[in-house]
């Protein structure tokens, strides 16, 4: 089982990349900042897509792509908060059940806003995202503390 996580900063002009490694070889795609609008289309012969888009302003948007031979369903979504976008999908395959949580936090991440949801999860969960956590160790000029 392989995952690729990517803040793509607009997927529309990069769709050709999806046919090259590491995308072409990964089972699961977890993308932030797709910049998709509601009527934008994305299709792939081997993937089912779950996604969010910002309806109130430009940018953002999340996508989770899973193999077509397994099933998934959205279990949680936030897409109207200017400071946090979340898309969570429950995955069911023959021998494995797990969650994928995709988070985009443009101004830093405070876990308190989704803690109740995360605490409610009862199967293994993979959390991916762009949390915009700044710290001097990573070249940032200030520190944002995730709580």
Foldseek 3Di string as FASTA:
>chain_A
DFEDEEAPLACPVPVVCCCDPPNVVGQKYKYWFNQDDPPDDDDDPFWDKDKDHAPPDTTIMIIMIHGPQWDKDWDDFDRHDPFKTKTKIWTDDDPDTEMEIEMEGPVAAACVVCVVVVVPDDGHYDYDYHGPADDVVVVHPDGDDHD
